[in-house]
Each structure stands twice: as C-alpha cells, then as structure tokens.
C-alpha cells in the first residue's frame, strides 16, 4: 500500500483513475464543454432569428380572398366576382371554378390579379363550363 492512510483523498483519486482506465472514461475537459455550449447558444440564436424572419415574411406576403357572388349567365358560362387582399403591387393568380348542383367542378379559370396601393382588388371572372353550372367561387389564390 501507499504512504497515505486508508480513506484519504489520495485513495479516492487512485480508485477513480483505475475505474476510468478500466471503463475507458476520459477526464472531463472544461474547455471542450464551454465550446459545445457556445456552439449550442449560437445555434439557438440563429434558429430564433430565422423563426422571427419567417414569421414576418409569411405575414407580409399573405394573400386572402373572399367570394362576392356568382351568377349563371347561360348553361355554358358562370360569372364569379371576388375580392383579393395582398401587399400592394403583389401579383396574384386566383383559381376560379364553376360548380354543378352536385358540387362537381364543371369549369375552371386562372385569373391574374395585381393588388393596388390599397391592397384590396376586386375582380370578376367569366368561367366557361362543360355542363350547366349552378354557381362558382374562388378555389385558391397564390402569389406569382
């Protein structure tokens, strides 16, 4: 045995060293932990900045629409009126559809709309139909 008496800090250090060697553990390096925590902090900050940017970009570029009405002009034509809200100057394409009494799509037309300075544009589309329709409306509007 060594010169230290049993139960001293020296014995505990020796035991720990032997266990570390046996199980392949390495001594913790405080510098490495600090680097990893710094990198994690940078990653979290970058992710938060991206989330804020994405939220602002999505809000600013949102497009909404509302059907104003439709009327059947003839068995082969439906007129659909609608309003679009988007950022001023935004180019939007709205898919306007004509429906029969069962709700099936019997006509479809893509209508380009440019939002004016007020951000609210109104449009009327004349949709040709393959069968008699009972009405119509806007299916979707997307930025272009």
Protein backbone atom coordinates (compact mmCIF):
# COMPACT_ATOMS: atom_id res chain seq x y z
CA UNK A 1 0.00 0.00 0.00
CA UNK A 2 0.97 3.61 -0.37
CA UNK A 3 2.01 6.05 2.29
CA UNK A 4 -1.46 7.53 2.59
CA UNK A 5 -3.79 6.14 5.19
CA UNK A 6 -6.98 4.32 4.06
CA UNK A 7 -9.93 6.57 3.20
CA UNK A 8 -7.93 9.62 2.15
CA UNK A 9 -8.45 11.73 -0.94
CA UNK A 10 -5.39 10.14 -2.49
CA UNK A 11 -7.00 6.69 -2.32
CA UNK A 12 -10.22 8.03 -3.84
CA UNK A 13 -8.24 9.55 -6.71
CA UNK A 14 -6.43 6.26 -7.32
CA UNK A 15 -9.69 4.32 -7.31
CA UNK A 16 -11.26 6.79 -9.71
CA UNK A 17 -8.22 6.62 -12.02
CA UNK A 18 -8.33 2.80 -12.06
CA UNK A 19 -12.08 2.80 -12.76
CA UNK A 20 -11.67 5.38 -15.51
CA UNK A 21 -8.94 3.24 -17.09
CA UNK A 22 -10.99 0.05 -16.77
CA UNK A 23 -14.15 1.51 -18.33
CA UNK A 24 -12.48 3.73 -20.90
CA UNK A 25 -13.64 7.01 -19.41
CA UNK A 26 -11.71 10.14 -20.10
CA UNK A 27 -11.33 13.04 -17.76
CA UNK A 28 -13.78 15.84 -18.50
CA UNK A 29 -12.21 18.78 -20.29
CA UNK A 30 -13.88 22.04 -19.23
CA UNK A 31 -12.67 23.83 -22.37
CA UNK A 32 -14.48 21.38 -24.64
CA UNK A 33 -17.73 21.72 -22.71
CA UNK A 34 -17.51 25.52 -22.95
CA UNK A 35 -17.02 25.31 -26.74
CA UNK A 36 -20.01 22.98 -27.12
CA UNK A 37 -22.22 25.24 -25.02
CA UNK A 38 -21.11 28.26 -27.04
CA UNK A 39 -21.92 26.48 -30.30
CA UNK A 40 -25.30 25.42 -28.92
CA UNK A 41 -26.02 29.03 -27.93
CA UNK A 42 -25.11 30.27 -31.41
CA UNK A 43 -27.35 27.62 -32.99
CA UNK A 44 -30.31 28.54 -30.76
CA UNK A 45 -29.84 32.25 -31.52
CA UNK A 46 -29.69 31.57 -35.27
CA UNK A 47 -32.81 29.38 -35.10
CA UNK A 48 -34.71 32.07 -33.19
CA UNK A 49 -33.64 34.75 -35.70
CA UNK A 50 -34.77 32.54 -38.60
CA UNK A 51 -38.15 31.91 -36.91
CA UNK A 52 -38.74 35.65 -36.46
CA UNK A 53 -37.74 36.35 -40.08
CA UNK A 54 -40.01 33.57 -41.39
CA UNK A 55 -42.98 34.80 -39.34
CA UNK A 56 -42.57 38.36 -40.62
CA UNK A 57 -42.10 37.21 -44.23
CA UNK A 58 -45.16 34.97 -44.13
CA UNK A 59 -47.34 37.66 -42.58
CA UNK A 60 -46.22 40.28 -45.05
CA UNK A 61 -46.75 38.07 -48.08
CA UNK A 62 -50.11 36.56 -47.15
CA UNK A 63 -52.89 36.53 -49.72
CA UNK A 64 -56.55 36.26 -48.76
CA UNK A 65 -59.67 36.22 -50.88
CA UNK A 66 -63.42 36.37 -50.46
CA UNK A 67 -66.16 35.38 -52.86
CA UNK A 68 -68.55 38.24 -53.60
CA UNK A 69 -71.05 36.19 -55.58
CA UNK A 70 -71.73 34.31 -58.76
CA UNK A 71 -74.43 34.22 -61.34
CA UNK A 72 -75.21 31.79 -64.15
CA UNK A 73 -75.14 33.75 -67.40
CA UNK A 74 -76.03 30.74 -69.60
CA UNK A 75 -75.74 26.96 -69.48
CA UNK A 76 -72.16 27.37 -70.74
CA UNK A 77 -70.98 30.39 -68.67
CA UNK A 78 -70.82 31.42 -64.99
CA UNK A 79 -69.70 34.87 -63.82
CA UNK A 80 -67.86 34.91 -60.46
CA UNK A 81 -66.99 38.09 -58.54
CA UNK A 82 -64.41 38.11 -55.75
CA UNK A 83 -62.05 40.31 -53.74
CA UNK A 84 -58.35 39.71 -53.05
CA UNK A 85 -56.21 41.22 -50.28
CA UNK A 86 -52.43 41.25 -50.71
CA UNK A 87 -49.47 43.58 -50.28
CA UNK A 88 -49.61 46.47 -52.76
CA UNK A 89 -48.11 45.54 -56.12
CA UNK A 90 -48.30 41.81 -55.45
CA UNK A 91 -49.12 39.68 -58.49
CA UNK A 92 -51.68 37.02 -57.61
CA UNK A 93 -53.29 34.23 -59.63
CA UNK A 94 -56.69 33.01 -58.43
CA UNK A 95 -58.20 29.69 -59.48
CA UNK A 96 -61.90 30.31 -60.12
CA UNK A 97 -64.19 27.33 -60.55
CA UNK A 98 -67.76 26.73 -61.69
CA UNK A 99 -69.78 24.02 -59.91
CA UNK A 100 -72.82 21.97 -60.86
CA UNK A 101 -75.67 21.17 -58.44
CA UNK A 102 -73.79 18.11 -57.12
CA UNK A 103 -70.74 20.27 -56.31
CA UNK A 104 -68.61 18.86 -59.12
CA UNK A 105 -66.27 21.22 -60.94
CA UNK A 106 -67.57 21.87 -64.46
CA UNK A 107 -65.37 24.86 -65.32
CA UNK A 108 -62.04 26.31 -64.23
CA UNK A 109 -60.19 29.53 -64.98
CA UNK A 110 -56.94 31.03 -63.64
CA UNK A 111 -57.38 34.78 -63.17
CA UNK A 112 -54.36 37.09 -62.69
CA UNK A 113 -54.86 39.98 -60.26
CA UNK A 114 -52.45 42.74 -59.19
CA UNK A 115 -53.07 44.28 -55.78
CA UNK A 116 -53.35 48.10 -55.97
CA UNK A 117 -51.95 50.56 -53.39
CA UNK A 118 -54.93 49.89 -51.11
CA UNK A 119 -54.03 46.19 -51.05
CA UNK A 120 -57.61 45.16 -51.96
CA UNK A 121 -58.53 44.29 -55.53
CA UNK A 122 -61.90 43.19 -56.88
CA UNK A 123 -62.30 41.06 -59.97
CA UNK A 124 -64.96 39.32 -62.00
CA UNK A 125 -64.24 36.18 -64.00
CA UNK A 126 -66.35 34.70 -66.76
CA UNK A 127 -65.84 30.95 -66.47
CA UNK A 128 -66.77 28.71 -69.42
CA UNK A 129 -68.41 25.43 -68.36
CA UNK A 130 -68.55 21.94 -69.84
CA UNK A 131 -72.01 21.30 -68.35
CA UNK A 132 -74.70 23.54 -66.85
CA UNK A 133 -73.49 25.09 -63.59
CA UNK A 134 -75.36 26.38 -60.56
CA UNK A 135 -72.65 28.68 -59.19
CA UNK A 136 -68.98 29.14 -58.62
CA UNK A 137 -66.27 30.60 -56.46
CA UNK A 138 -62.56 31.01 -55.86
CA UNK A 139 -60.71 27.80 -55.06
CA UNK A 140 -57.36 29.40 -54.18
CA UNK A 141 -55.13 32.41 -54.75
CA UNK A 142 -51.34 32.32 -54.81
CA UNK A 143 -48.56 34.86 -55.28
CA UNK A 144 -46.72 34.78 -58.61
